[in-house]
Amino acid sequence: MEPPNPSEQLELPPKYYRIGDIVRYAGLSRQTIHNYTTMGLIREVQWTPGGHRLYDESVFYRLRQIAGLKRTKTITQIRRLFEEQEAPA
């Protein structure tokens, strides 16, 4: 078998995170993650067979956005802003 060609890009499988992982990496409480999910500020991308929410890597970017926006906006204003950004043009 030949070694892989370094110029060929390997497509890695997506990495999913449970709420506990997000709590550990982002430094937020489990309740905050749950609340943000319930409010639609972040979204789970999948569920485990056992019913656990799974998030992709984009959740960390979104959490940084929320933290920055919370300095000048309310959670309601942030939610509206995200809804406007995600609305079809």
N, C-alpha and C. Protein backbone atom coordinates (compact mmCIF):
# COMPACT_ATOMS: atom_id res chain seq x y z
N MET A 1 0.85 -1.17 0.00
CA MET A 1 0.00 0.00 0.00
C MET A 1 0.89 1.24 0.00
N GLU A 2 0.53 2.22 -0.83
CA GLU A 2 1.33 3.43 -0.94
C GLU A 2 0.99 4.40 0.19
N PRO A 3 2.00 5.16 0.64
CA PRO A 3 1.70 6.18 1.66
C PRO A 3 0.82 7.26 1.06
N PRO A 4 0.03 7.95 1.89
CA PRO A 4 -0.84 8.99 1.36
C PRO A 4 -0.03 10.15 0.77
N ASN A 5 -0.57 10.74 -0.25
CA ASN A 5 0.05 11.88 -0.90
C ASN A 5 -0.18 13.10 -0.02
N PRO A 6 0.89 13.79 0.42
CA PRO A 6 0.70 14.93 1.33
C PRO A 6 -0.10 16.07 0.70
N SER A 7 -0.14 16.14 -0.64
CA SER A 7 -0.89 17.22 -1.28
C SER A 7 -2.40 16.94 -1.27
N GLU A 8 -2.78 15.70 -0.99
CA GLU A 8 -4.21 15.37 -0.91
C GLU A 8 -4.72 15.72 0.49
N GLN A 9 -5.78 16.46 0.52
CA GLN A 9 -6.37 16.88 1.80
C GLN A 9 -7.25 15.75 2.33
N LEU A 10 -6.99 15.32 3.54
CA LEU A 10 -7.84 14.32 4.17
C LEU A 10 -9.01 15.03 4.82
N GLU A 11 -10.19 14.51 4.59
CA GLU A 11 -11.37 15.08 5.25
C GLU A 11 -11.56 14.37 6.58
N LEU A 12 -11.42 15.14 7.64
CA LEU A 12 -11.56 14.59 8.98
C LEU A 12 -13.02 14.52 9.36
N PRO A 13 -13.39 13.51 10.13
CA PRO A 13 -14.78 13.46 10.60
C PRO A 13 -15.04 14.61 11.56
N PRO A 14 -16.28 15.08 11.61
CA PRO A 14 -16.58 16.19 12.52
C PRO A 14 -16.37 15.79 13.97
N LYS A 15 -15.99 16.76 14.76
CA LYS A 15 -15.80 16.55 16.20
C LYS A 15 -17.02 17.12 16.91
N TYR A 16 -17.62 16.32 17.76
CA TYR A 16 -18.78 16.75 18.52
C TYR A 16 -18.44 16.83 20.00
N TYR A 17 -19.08 17.78 20.68
CA TYR A 17 -18.83 18.03 22.09
C TYR A 17 -20.13 17.91 22.89
N ARG A 18 -20.03 17.28 24.04
CA ARG A 18 -21.16 17.25 24.97
C ARG A 18 -21.12 18.50 25.83
N ILE A 19 -22.19 18.74 26.53
CA ILE A 19 -22.26 19.94 27.38
C ILE A 19 -21.10 19.97 28.37
N GLY A 20 -20.75 18.84 28.94
CA GLY A 20 -19.63 18.79 29.89
C GLY A 20 -18.32 19.25 29.27
N ASP A 21 -18.10 18.90 28.00
CA ASP A 21 -16.89 19.36 27.31
C ASP A 21 -16.91 20.87 27.15
N ILE A 22 -18.06 21.40 26.78
CA ILE A 22 -18.18 22.85 26.57
C ILE A 22 -17.96 23.59 27.89
N VAL A 23 -18.53 23.06 28.96
CA VAL A 23 -18.34 23.66 30.28
C VAL A 23 -16.85 23.71 30.61
N ARG A 24 -16.17 22.61 30.37
CA ARG A 24 -14.74 22.52 30.70
C ARG A 24 -13.90 23.48 29.83
N TYR A 25 -14.17 23.53 28.54
CA TYR A 25 -13.35 24.34 27.63
C TYR A 25 -13.73 25.81 27.63
N ALA A 26 -15.02 26.12 27.78
CA ALA A 26 -15.48 27.51 27.68
C ALA A 26 -15.57 28.21 29.03
N GLY A 27 -15.57 27.43 30.11
CA GLY A 27 -15.62 28.04 31.43
C GLY A 27 -16.98 28.59 31.80
N LEU A 28 -18.03 28.09 31.17
CA LEU A 28 -19.39 28.50 31.50
C LEU A 28 -20.07 27.38 32.27
N SER A 29 -21.14 27.70 32.95
CA SER A 29 -21.85 26.66 33.70
C SER A 29 -22.71 25.82 32.77
N ARG A 30 -23.01 24.64 33.24
CA ARG A 30 -23.91 23.73 32.51
C ARG A 30 -25.27 24.41 32.30
N GLN A 31 -25.74 25.12 33.31
CA GLN A 31 -27.04 25.80 33.22
C GLN A 31 -27.00 26.89 32.15
N THR A 32 -25.90 27.62 32.05
CA THR A 32 -25.78 28.65 31.02
C THR A 32 -25.84 28.04 29.63
N ILE A 33 -25.12 26.94 29.42
CA ILE A 33 -25.15 26.27 28.11
C ILE A 33 -26.57 25.80 27.81
N HIS A 34 -27.23 25.22 28.79
CA HIS A 34 -28.60 24.76 28.60
C HIS A 34 -29.52 25.95 28.27
N ASN A 35 -29.38 27.05 29.01
CA ASN A 35 -30.21 28.23 28.76
C ASN A 35 -29.97 28.80 27.37
N TYR A 36 -28.71 28.91 26.97
CA TYR A 36 -28.40 29.43 25.64
C TYR A 36 -28.99 28.54 24.55
N THR A 37 -28.99 27.23 24.78
CA THR A 37 -29.59 26.31 23.82
C THR A 37 -31.10 26.50 23.77
N THR A 38 -31.73 26.57 24.92
CA THR A 38 -33.17 26.76 24.99
C THR A 38 -33.60 28.07 24.34
N MET A 39 -32.78 29.12 24.50
CA MET A 39 -33.10 30.42 23.93
C MET A 39 -32.77 30.51 22.44
N GLY A 40 -32.10 29.50 21.91
CA GLY A 40 -31.75 29.51 20.49
C GLY A 40 -30.47 30.26 20.17
N LEU A 41 -29.68 30.61 21.20
CA LEU A 41 -28.43 31.31 20.95
C LEU A 41 -27.36 30.35 20.42
N ILE A 42 -27.40 29.11 20.87
CA ILE A 42 -26.54 28.06 20.32
C ILE A 42 -27.44 26.87 20.00
N ARG A 43 -26.95 26.02 19.12
CA ARG A 43 -27.78 24.88 18.69
C ARG A 43 -26.99 23.59 18.75
N GLU A 44 -27.66 22.56 19.21
CA GLU A 44 -27.06 21.25 19.13
C GLU A 44 -27.17 20.78 17.68
N VAL A 45 -26.20 19.98 17.25
CA VAL A 45 -26.22 19.49 15.87
C VAL A 45 -26.65 18.03 15.79
N GLN A 46 -26.65 17.38 16.93
CA GLN A 46 -26.97 15.96 16.95
C GLN A 46 -27.30 15.55 18.38
N TRP A 47 -27.89 14.38 18.52
CA TRP A 47 -28.19 13.81 19.83
C TRP A 47 -27.60 12.40 19.87
N THR A 48 -27.12 12.00 21.04
CA THR A 48 -26.65 10.62 21.20
C THR A 48 -27.87 9.73 21.36
N PRO A 49 -27.70 8.42 21.18
CA PRO A 49 -28.81 7.50 21.43
C PRO A 49 -29.35 7.61 22.86
N GLY A 50 -28.50 8.04 23.79
CA GLY A 50 -28.91 8.19 25.18
C GLY A 50 -29.58 9.53 25.47
N GLY A 51 -29.72 10.38 24.45
CA GLY A 51 -30.41 11.64 24.63
C GLY A 51 -29.54 12.83 25.00
N HIS A 52 -28.23 12.70 24.88
CA HIS A 52 -27.33 13.81 25.19
C HIS A 52 -27.18 14.71 23.96
N ARG A 53 -27.20 16.02 24.22
CA ARG A 53 -26.99 16.97 23.13
C ARG A 53 -25.52 16.96 22.71
N LEU A 54 -25.30 17.09 21.41
CA LEU A 54 -23.95 17.20 20.88
C LEU A 54 -23.85 18.49 20.07
N TYR A 55 -22.75 19.19 20.25
CA TYR A 55 -22.49 20.46 19.57
C TYR A 55 -21.24 20.31 18.73
N ASP A 56 -21.16 21.07 17.64
CA ASP A 56 -19.93 21.05 16.85
C ASP A 56 -19.01 22.19 17.29
N GLU A 57 -17.87 22.30 16.62
CA GLU A 57 -16.86 23.29 17.03
C GLU A 57 -17.34 24.72 16.92
N SER A 58 -18.34 24.97 16.07
CA SER A 58 -18.82 26.34 15.90
C SER A 58 -19.42 26.91 17.19
N VAL A 59 -19.78 26.05 18.13
CA VAL A 59 -20.36 26.52 19.38
C VAL A 59 -19.38 27.41 20.15
N PHE A 60 -18.09 27.15 20.03
CA PHE A 60 -17.10 27.95 20.76
C PHE A 60 -17.00 29.36 20.17
N TYR A 61 -17.08 29.46 18.85
CA TYR A 61 -17.08 30.78 18.21
C TYR A 61 -18.32 31.55 18.64
N ARG A 62 -19.48 30.87 18.64
CA ARG A 62 -20.73 31.54 19.01
C ARG A 62 -20.68 31.99 20.47
N LEU A 63 -20.12 31.18 21.35
CA LEU A 63 -20.02 31.57 22.76
C LEU A 63 -19.12 32.79 22.94
N ARG A 64 -18.04 32.88 22.15
CA ARG A 64 -17.19 34.07 22.20
C ARG A 64 -17.95 35.30 21.71
N GLN A 65 -18.76 35.11 20.66
CA GLN A 65 -19.59 36.22 20.16
C GLN A 65 -20.54 36.71 21.26
N ILE A 66 -21.21 35.77 21.90
CA ILE A 66 -22.17 36.12 22.95
C ILE A 66 -21.46 36.87 24.08
N ALA A 67 -20.31 36.38 24.50
CA ALA A 67 -19.57 37.04 25.59
C ALA A 67 -19.21 38.47 25.22
N GLY A 68 -18.78 38.69 24.00
CA GLY A 68 -18.45 40.04 23.56
C GLY A 68 -19.66 40.94 23.48
N LEU A 69 -20.76 40.41 22.96
CA LEU A 69 -21.98 41.20 22.81
C LEU A 69 -22.63 41.52 24.15
N LYS A 70 -22.44 40.65 25.15
CA LYS A 70 -23.06 40.88 26.46
C LYS A 70 -22.52 42.13 27.15
N ARG A 71 -21.40 42.63 26.67
CA ARG A 71 -20.84 43.86 27.26
C ARG A 71 -21.73 45.06 26.97
N THR A 72 -22.45 45.02 25.84
CA THR A 72 -23.25 46.19 25.43
C THR A 72 -24.71 45.88 25.13
N LYS A 73 -25.07 44.59 25.11
CA LYS A 73 -26.43 44.21 24.73
C LYS A 73 -27.02 43.22 25.73
N THR A 74 -28.35 43.18 25.76
CA THR A 74 -29.05 42.19 26.58
C THR A 74 -29.12 40.87 25.81
N ILE A 75 -29.45 39.82 26.51
CA ILE A 75 -29.59 38.52 25.85
C ILE A 75 -30.69 38.58 24.79
N THR A 76 -31.78 39.29 25.06
CA THR A 76 -32.86 39.43 24.08
C THR A 76 -32.36 40.14 22.83
N GLN A 77 -31.56 41.18 23.00
CA GLN A 77 -31.00 41.89 21.85
C GLN A 77 -30.04 41.00 21.06
N ILE A 78 -29.27 40.20 21.77
CA ILE A 78 -28.34 39.28 21.11
C ILE A 78 -29.12 38.25 20.30
N ARG A 79 -30.18 37.72 20.88
CA ARG A 79 -30.99 36.73 20.18
C ARG A 79 -31.58 37.33 18.90
N ARG A 80 -32.10 38.54 19.00
CA ARG A 80 -32.65 39.21 17.81
C ARG A 80 -31.58 39.42 16.75
N LEU A 81 -30.40 39.83 17.18
CA LEU A 81 -29.30 40.05 16.24
C LEU A 81 -28.96 38.76 15.51
N PHE A 82 -28.86 37.65 16.23
CA PHE A 82 -28.55 36.36 15.60
C PHE A 82 -29.68 35.94 14.66
N GLU A 83 -30.93 36.16 15.07
CA GLU A 83 -32.05 35.81 14.20
C GLU A 83 -32.01 36.60 12.90
N GLU A 84 -31.67 37.89 12.99
CA GLU A 84 -31.56 38.72 11.80
C GLU A 84 -30.43 38.24 10.89
N GLN A 85 -29.30 37.85 11.49
CA GLN A 85 -28.16 37.38 10.71
C GLN A 85 -28.47 36.07 10.00
N GLU A 86 -29.29 35.22 10.63
CA GLU A 86 -29.57 33.90 10.07
C GLU A 86 -30.79 33.87 9.17
N ALA A 87 -31.53 34.97 9.11
CA ALA A 87 -32.73 35.03 8.26
C ALA A 87 -32.30 35.01 6.80
N PRO A 88 -33.08 34.29 5.97
CA PRO A 88 -32.75 34.27 4.54
C PRO A 88 -32.86 35.67 3.95
N ALA A 89 -31.95 35.97 3.04
CA ALA A 89 -31.91 37.31 2.43
C ALA A 89 -32.99 37.51 1.40
